[in-house]
Protein backbone atom coordinates (compact mmCIF):
# COMPACT_ATOMS: atom_id res chain seq x y z
CA UNK A 1 -50.29 -13.63 -3.73
CA UNK A 2 -52.56 -13.54 -0.73
CA UNK A 3 -51.07 -13.96 2.72
CA UNK A 4 -53.30 -15.55 5.31
CA UNK A 5 -52.58 -16.34 8.96
CA UNK A 6 -52.82 -20.01 9.88
CA UNK A 7 -51.52 -22.12 12.66
CA UNK A 8 -48.43 -24.39 12.57
CA UNK A 9 -48.77 -27.30 14.91
CA UNK A 10 -45.96 -29.62 16.03
CA UNK A 11 -46.63 -32.62 18.32
CA UNK A 12 -43.89 -34.75 19.68
CA UNK A 13 -45.27 -38.29 20.47
CA UNK A 14 -44.53 -41.93 20.52
CA UNK A 15 -44.70 -43.51 17.14
CA UNK A 16 -47.38 -46.15 18.03
CA UNK A 17 -49.75 -43.13 18.64
CA UNK A 18 -49.67 -41.84 15.05
CA UNK A 19 -52.94 -43.44 14.00
CA UNK A 20 -54.80 -41.90 16.96
CA UNK A 21 -53.37 -38.38 16.25
CA UNK A 22 -54.09 -38.92 12.50
CA UNK A 23 -57.68 -39.71 13.38
CA UNK A 24 -58.10 -36.65 15.53
CA UNK A 25 -56.65 -34.63 12.65
CA UNK A 26 -58.98 -36.06 10.08
CA UNK A 27 -61.98 -35.52 12.40
CA UNK A 28 -60.96 -31.81 12.71
CA UNK A 29 -60.84 -31.49 8.90
CA UNK A 30 -57.12 -31.37 8.59
CA UNK A 31 -56.28 -33.21 5.45
CA UNK A 32 -52.52 -32.79 5.27
CA UNK A 33 -49.61 -33.46 7.75
CA UNK A 34 -46.08 -34.69 7.77
CA UNK A 35 -44.56 -37.16 10.17
CA UNK A 36 -40.84 -36.60 10.86
CA UNK A 37 -38.47 -39.11 12.49
CA UNK A 38 -36.60 -38.02 15.60
CA UNK A 39 -33.26 -39.33 16.77
CA UNK A 40 -32.87 -38.27 20.40
CA UNK A 41 -33.50 -35.44 22.80
CA UNK A 42 -33.39 -34.27 26.41
CA UNK A 43 -36.46 -33.24 28.34
CA UNK A 44 -37.80 -32.84 31.98
CA UNK A 45 -37.25 -36.65 32.53
CA UNK A 46 -33.70 -36.65 31.13
CA UNK A 47 -32.18 -37.87 27.88
CA UNK A 48 -33.97 -40.32 25.43
CA UNK A 49 -32.98 -41.83 22.12
CA UNK A 50 -34.73 -43.93 19.54
CA UNK A 51 -35.15 -47.58 20.50
CA UNK A 52 -34.39 -49.27 17.04
CA UNK A 53 -35.01 -52.69 18.42
CA UNK A 54 -38.43 -52.57 19.89
CA UNK A 55 -39.72 -49.28 18.41
CA UNK A 56 -42.05 -48.72 21.34
CA UNK A 57 -40.03 -45.70 22.59
CA UNK A 58 -39.59 -44.22 19.14
CA UNK A 59 -40.57 -40.74 18.97
CA UNK A 60 -41.81 -38.80 15.95
CA UNK A 61 -42.82 -35.22 15.18
CA UNK A 62 -46.26 -34.68 13.80
CA UNK A 63 -46.35 -31.41 11.73
CA UNK A 64 -49.15 -29.57 10.12
CA UNK A 65 -50.35 -26.16 9.09
CA UNK A 66 -54.09 -25.54 9.16
CA UNK A 67 -56.85 -22.86 9.75
CA UNK A 68 -57.56 -21.40 13.05
CA UNK A 69 -60.76 -23.25 13.29
CA UNK A 70 -59.49 -26.58 12.39
CA UNK A 71 -56.53 -26.11 14.79
CA UNK A 72 -58.95 -25.40 17.66
CA UNK A 73 -60.92 -28.58 16.97
CA UNK A 74 -57.75 -30.58 16.86
CA UNK A 75 -56.38 -29.14 19.99
CA UNK A 76 -59.73 -29.86 21.71
CA UNK A 77 -59.43 -33.62 20.81
CA UNK A 78 -55.66 -34.08 21.68
CA UNK A 79 -55.56 -31.99 24.86
CA UNK A 80 -56.96 -34.78 27.17
CA UNK A 81 -54.19 -37.07 26.01
CA UNK A 82 -51.20 -34.70 26.28
CA UNK A 83 -50.21 -35.59 29.76
CA UNK A 84 -51.10 -39.28 30.01
CA UNK A 85 -49.26 -40.07 26.72
CA UNK A 86 -46.38 -37.56 27.44
CA UNK A 87 -46.94 -35.59 24.13
CA UNK A 88 -45.45 -32.15 23.66
CA UNK A 89 -47.67 -29.70 21.72
CA UNK A 90 -46.12 -26.56 20.12
CA UNK A 91 -48.22 -24.08 18.18
CA UNK A 92 -47.16 -20.94 16.32
CA UNK A 93 -48.85 -18.61 13.95
CA UNK A 94 -47.80 -19.06 10.32
CA UNK A 95 -48.34 -16.90 7.26
CA UNK A 96 -49.02 -19.03 4.16
CA UNK A 97 -48.99 -17.71 0.67
CA UNK A 98 -51.32 -20.26 -0.90
CA UNK A 99 -54.12 -20.50 1.59
CA UNK A 100 -56.40 -22.68 -0.73
CA UNK A 101 -54.02 -25.54 -0.02
CA UNK A 102 -55.07 -25.64 3.68
């Protein structure tokens, strides 16, 4: 199998922002991603936990692996919103064994 370097992107964000992030991903040509639930955490502003009643404070993790070019387009779209919506963006290089899937 051929190994190809791609980027793995993880964005921690409030659940109501998923449609906006998904639109940015689609505009960048990213066709696949996974949304993972989160339960709780601790950050610069202290501890947080999921609000099961209102759901407004519910955080999720948006996870995708994509090409360098698509990752850059996605990053340029999301970057202006990172601070105002308190998103956390983590990106690492990933080696994929089936590059045709991305």
